[in-house]
Protein backbone atom coordinates (compact mmCIF):
# COMPACT_ATOMS: atom_id res chain seq x y z
CA UNK A 1 0.00 0.00 0.00
CA UNK A 2 1.45 3.38 -0.92
CA UNK A 3 2.09 5.84 1.90
CA UNK A 4 1.11 9.13 0.23
CA UNK A 5 -2.59 10.01 0.32
CA UNK A 6 -2.90 10.70 -3.42
CA UNK A 7 -1.08 7.48 -4.19
CA UNK A 8 -3.51 5.55 -1.95
CA UNK A 9 -6.50 7.07 -3.73
CA UNK A 10 -5.01 6.21 -7.11
CA UNK A 11 -4.11 2.71 -5.96
CA UNK A 12 -7.64 2.00 -4.71
CA UNK A 13 -9.20 3.59 -7.82
CA UNK A 14 -7.13 1.34 -10.10
CA UNK A 15 -8.25 -1.77 -8.23
CA UNK A 16 -11.90 -0.66 -8.22
CA UNK A 17 -11.78 -0.04 -11.96
CA UNK A 18 -10.00 -3.35 -12.58
CA UNK A 19 -12.50 -5.40 -10.56
CA UNK A 20 -15.47 -3.56 -12.08
CA UNK A 21 -14.25 -4.23 -15.61
CA UNK A 22 -13.61 -7.91 -14.86
CA UNK A 23 -17.08 -8.31 -13.33
CA UNK A 24 -18.71 -6.48 -16.26
CA UNK A 25 -16.92 -8.77 -18.72
CA UNK A 26 -18.03 -11.84 -16.77
CA UNK A 27 -21.62 -10.55 -16.72
CA UNK A 28 -21.47 -9.89 -20.46
CA UNK A 29 -20.33 -13.49 -21.03
CA UNK A 30 -23.13 -14.80 -18.80
CA UNK A 31 -20.81 -15.93 -16.02
CA UNK A 32 -22.56 -13.59 -13.55
CA UNK A 33 -26.32 -13.39 -13.34
CA UNK A 34 -27.60 -10.40 -11.42
CA UNK A 35 -30.89 -10.36 -9.56
CA UNK A 36 -32.86 -8.36 -7.00
CA UNK A 37 -32.31 -5.08 -8.89
CA UNK A 38 -28.53 -5.39 -9.02
CA UNK A 39 -26.54 -4.56 -12.15
CA UNK A 40 -22.97 -3.92 -13.25
CA UNK A 41 -23.12 -0.24 -12.30
CA UNK A 42 -23.73 -1.14 -8.67
CA UNK A 43 -20.42 -2.98 -8.64
CA UNK A 44 -18.55 0.32 -8.87
CA UNK A 45 -19.69 1.58 -5.47
CA UNK A 46 -19.65 -1.92 -4.00
CA UNK A 47 -16.02 -2.41 -5.03
CA UNK A 48 -15.16 1.09 -3.82
CA UNK A 49 -16.60 0.43 -0.40
CA UNK A 50 -15.02 -3.01 -0.18
CA UNK A 51 -11.56 -1.67 -0.95
CA UNK A 52 -12.04 1.19 1.50
CA UNK A 53 -12.97 -1.32 4.21
CA UNK A 54 -9.91 -3.33 3.27
CA UNK A 55 -7.74 -0.24 3.72
CA UNK A 56 -9.33 0.48 7.12
CA UNK A 57 -8.92 -3.18 8.10
CA UNK A 58 -5.24 -3.02 7.19
CA UNK A 59 -4.70 -0.29 9.80
CA UNK A 60 -7.46 -0.89 12.37
CA UNK A 61 -9.21 -4.27 12.06
CA UNK A 62 -11.70 -3.73 14.91
CA UNK A 63 -12.87 -0.40 13.47
CA UNK A 64 -13.33 -2.01 10.06
CA UNK A 65 -15.59 -4.69 11.53
CA UNK A 66 -17.62 -2.10 13.45
CA UNK A 67 -18.09 -0.03 10.28
CA UNK A 68 -18.73 -3.02 8.05
CA UNK A 69 -21.70 -4.38 9.99
CA UNK A 70 -23.98 -1.37 9.39
CA UNK A 71 -22.81 -1.23 5.78
CA UNK A 72 -23.80 -4.87 5.31
CA UNK A 73 -27.24 -4.13 6.75
CA UNK A 74 -27.64 -1.17 4.39
CA UNK A 75 -26.67 -3.33 1.39
CA UNK A 76 -29.19 -5.95 2.50
CA UNK A 77 -31.95 -3.36 2.90
CA UNK A 78 -31.26 -1.86 -0.53
CA UNK A 79 -30.86 -5.23 -2.27
CA UNK A 80 -32.60 -7.93 -0.24
CA UNK A 81 -31.43 -11.45 -0.87
CA UNK A 82 -33.64 -14.34 0.26
CA UNK A 83 -31.75 -16.00 3.09
CA UNK A 84 -33.94 -19.11 3.13
CA UNK A 85 -35.63 -20.60 0.09
C-alpha atoms as a PDB file:
ATOM      1  CA  UNK A   1       0.000   0.000   0.000  1.00  0.00           C
ATOM      2  CA  UNK A   2       1.447   3.382  -0.916  1.00  0.00           C
ATOM      3  CA  UNK A   3       2.085   5.838   1.899  1.00  0.00           C
ATOM      4  CA  UNK A   4       1.110   9.131   0.230  1.00  0.00           C
ATOM      5  CA  UNK A   5      -2.595  10.014   0.322  1.00  0.00           C
ATOM      6  CA  UNK A   6      -2.903  10.702  -3.422  1.00  0.00           C
ATOM      7  CA  UNK A   7      -1.080   7.481  -4.194  1.00  0.00           C
ATOM      8  CA  UNK A   8      -3.506   5.555  -1.945  1.00  0.00           C
ATOM      9  CA  UNK A   9      -6.498   7.065  -3.726  1.00  0.00           C
ATOM     10  CA  UNK A  10      -5.008   6.210  -7.111  1.00  0.00           C
ATOM     11  CA  UNK A  11      -4.113   2.708  -5.959  1.00  0.00           C
ATOM     12  CA  UNK A  12      -7.643   1.998  -4.711  1.00  0.00           C
ATOM     13  CA  UNK A  13      -9.204   3.588  -7.820  1.00  0.00           C
ATOM     14  CA  UNK A  14      -7.130   1.345 -10.100  1.00  0.00           C
ATOM     15  CA  UNK A  15      -8.253  -1.772  -8.228  1.00  0.00           C
ATOM     16  CA  UNK A  16     -11.899  -0.657  -8.217  1.00  0.00           C
ATOM     17  CA  UNK A  17     -11.785  -0.037 -11.964  1.00  0.00           C
ATOM     18  CA  UNK A  18     -10.003  -3.350 -12.582  1.00  0.00           C
ATOM     19  CA  UNK A  19     -12.504  -5.396 -10.558  1.00  0.00           C
ATOM     20  CA  UNK A  20     -15.466  -3.563 -12.077  1.00  0.00           C
ATOM     21  CA  UNK A  21     -14.254  -4.226 -15.614  1.00  0.00           C
ATOM     22  CA  UNK A  22     -13.607  -7.905 -14.859  1.00  0.00           C
ATOM     23  CA  UNK A  23     -17.082  -8.306 -13.325  1.00  0.00           C
ATOM     24  CA  UNK A  24     -18.712  -6.476 -16.261  1.00  0.00           C
ATOM     25  CA  UNK A  25     -16.924  -8.772 -18.723  1.00  0.00           C
ATOM     26  CA  UNK A  26     -18.032 -11.838 -16.770  1.00  0.00           C
ATOM     27  CA  UNK A  27     -21.625 -10.546 -16.718  1.00  0.00           C
ATOM     28  CA  UNK A  28     -21.473  -9.891 -20.461  1.00  0.00           C
ATOM     29  CA  UNK A  29     -20.327 -13.486 -21.031  1.00  0.00           C
ATOM     30  CA  UNK A  30     -23.131 -14.801 -18.802  1.00  0.00           C
ATOM     31  CA  UNK A  31     -20.807 -15.933 -16.017  1.00  0.00           C
ATOM     32  CA  UNK A  32     -22.559 -13.586 -13.552  1.00  0.00           C
ATOM     33  CA  UNK A  33     -26.315 -13.391 -13.344  1.00  0.00           C
ATOM     34  CA  UNK A  34     -27.604 -10.402 -11.421  1.00  0.00           C
ATOM     35  CA  UNK A  35     -30.893 -10.358  -9.558  1.00  0.00           C
ATOM     36  CA  UNK A  36     -32.860  -8.360  -7.001  1.00  0.00           C
ATOM     37  CA  UNK A  37     -32.313  -5.082  -8.893  1.00  0.00           C
ATOM     38  CA  UNK A  38     -28.526  -5.394  -9.016  1.00  0.00           C
ATOM     39  CA  UNK A  39     -26.539  -4.556 -12.150  1.00  0.00           C
ATOM     40  CA  UNK A  40     -22.974  -3.923 -13.252  1.00  0.00           C
ATOM     41  CA  UNK A  41     -23.124  -0.237 -12.301  1.00  0.00           C
ATOM     42  CA  UNK A  42     -23.726  -1.136  -8.671  1.00  0.00           C
ATOM     43  CA  UNK A  43     -20.415  -2.983  -8.640  1.00  0.00           C
ATOM     44  CA  UNK A  44     -18.549   0.316  -8.872  1.00  0.00           C
ATOM     45  CA  UNK A  45     -19.687   1.583  -5.471  1.00  0.00           C
ATOM     46  CA  UNK A  46     -19.649  -1.923  -3.997  1.00  0.00           C
ATOM     47  CA  UNK A  47     -16.017  -2.413  -5.030  1.00  0.00           C
ATOM     48  CA  UNK A  48     -15.161   1.095  -3.824  1.00  0.00           C
ATOM     49  CA  UNK A  49     -16.603   0.429  -0.404  1.00  0.00           C
ATOM     50  CA  UNK A  50     -15.018  -3.014  -0.178  1.00  0.00           C
ATOM     51  CA  UNK A  51     -11.562  -1.670  -0.952  1.00  0.00           C
ATOM     52  CA  UNK A  52     -12.041   1.193   1.501  1.00  0.00           C
ATOM     53  CA  UNK A  53     -12.971  -1.317   4.212  1.00  0.00           C
ATOM     54  CA  UNK A  54      -9.912  -3.333   3.267  1.00  0.00           C
ATOM     55  CA  UNK A  55      -7.743  -0.236   3.721  1.00  0.00           C
ATOM     56  CA  UNK A  56      -9.327   0.475   7.116  1.00  0.00           C
ATOM     57  CA  UNK A  57      -8.915  -3.184   8.095  1.00  0.00           C
ATOM     58  CA  UNK A  58      -5.235  -3.016   7.190  1.00  0.00           C
ATOM     59  CA  UNK A  59      -4.697  -0.287   9.800  1.00  0.00           C
ATOM     60  CA  UNK A  60      -7.463  -0.888  12.375  1.00  0.00           C
ATOM     61  CA  UNK A  61      -9.214  -4.274  12.062  1.00  0.00           C
ATOM     62  CA  UNK A  62     -11.696  -3.725  14.907  1.00  0.00           C
ATOM     63  CA  UNK A  63     -12.870  -0.399  13.471  1.00  0.00           C
ATOM     64  CA  UNK A  64     -13.330  -2.006  10.065  1.00  0.00           C
ATOM     65  CA  UNK A  65     -15.595  -4.688  11.525  1.00  0.00           C
ATOM     66  CA  UNK A  66     -17.618  -2.105  13.454  1.00  0.00           C
ATOM     67  CA  UNK A  67     -18.094  -0.028  10.283  1.00  0.00           C
ATOM     68  CA  UNK A  68     -18.726  -3.017   8.053  1.00  0.00           C
ATOM     69  CA  UNK A  69     -21.696  -4.378   9.993  1.00  0.00           C
ATOM     70  CA  UNK A  70     -23.980  -1.367   9.392  1.00  0.00           C
ATOM     71  CA  UNK A  71     -22.809  -1.232   5.775  1.00  0.00           C
ATOM     72  CA  UNK A  72     -23.796  -4.873   5.307  1.00  0.00           C
ATOM     73  CA  UNK A  73     -27.237  -4.132   6.753  1.00  0.00           C
ATOM     74  CA  UNK A  74     -27.643  -1.169   4.389  1.00  0.00           C
ATOM     75  CA  UNK A  75     -26.669  -3.326   1.391  1.00  0.00           C
ATOM     76  CA  UNK A  76     -29.186  -5.947   2.502  1.00  0.00           C
ATOM     77  CA  UNK A  77     -31.951  -3.356   2.899  1.00  0.00           C
ATOM     78  CA  UNK A  78     -31.260  -1.862  -0.526  1.00  0.00           C
ATOM     79  CA  UNK A  79     -30.859  -5.232  -2.266  1.00  0.00           C
ATOM     80  CA  UNK A  80     -32.600  -7.926  -0.237  1.00  0.00           C
ATOM     81  CA  UNK A  81     -31.427 -11.449  -0.868  1.00  0.00           C
ATOM     82  CA  UNK A  82     -33.638 -14.336   0.255  1.00  0.00           C
ATOM     83  CA  UNK A  83     -31.749 -15.996   3.094  1.00  0.00           C
ATOM     84  CA  UNK A  84     -33.937 -19.106   3.126  1.00  0.00           C
ATOM     85  CA  UNK A  85     -35.628 -20.598   0.091  1.00  0.00           C
END
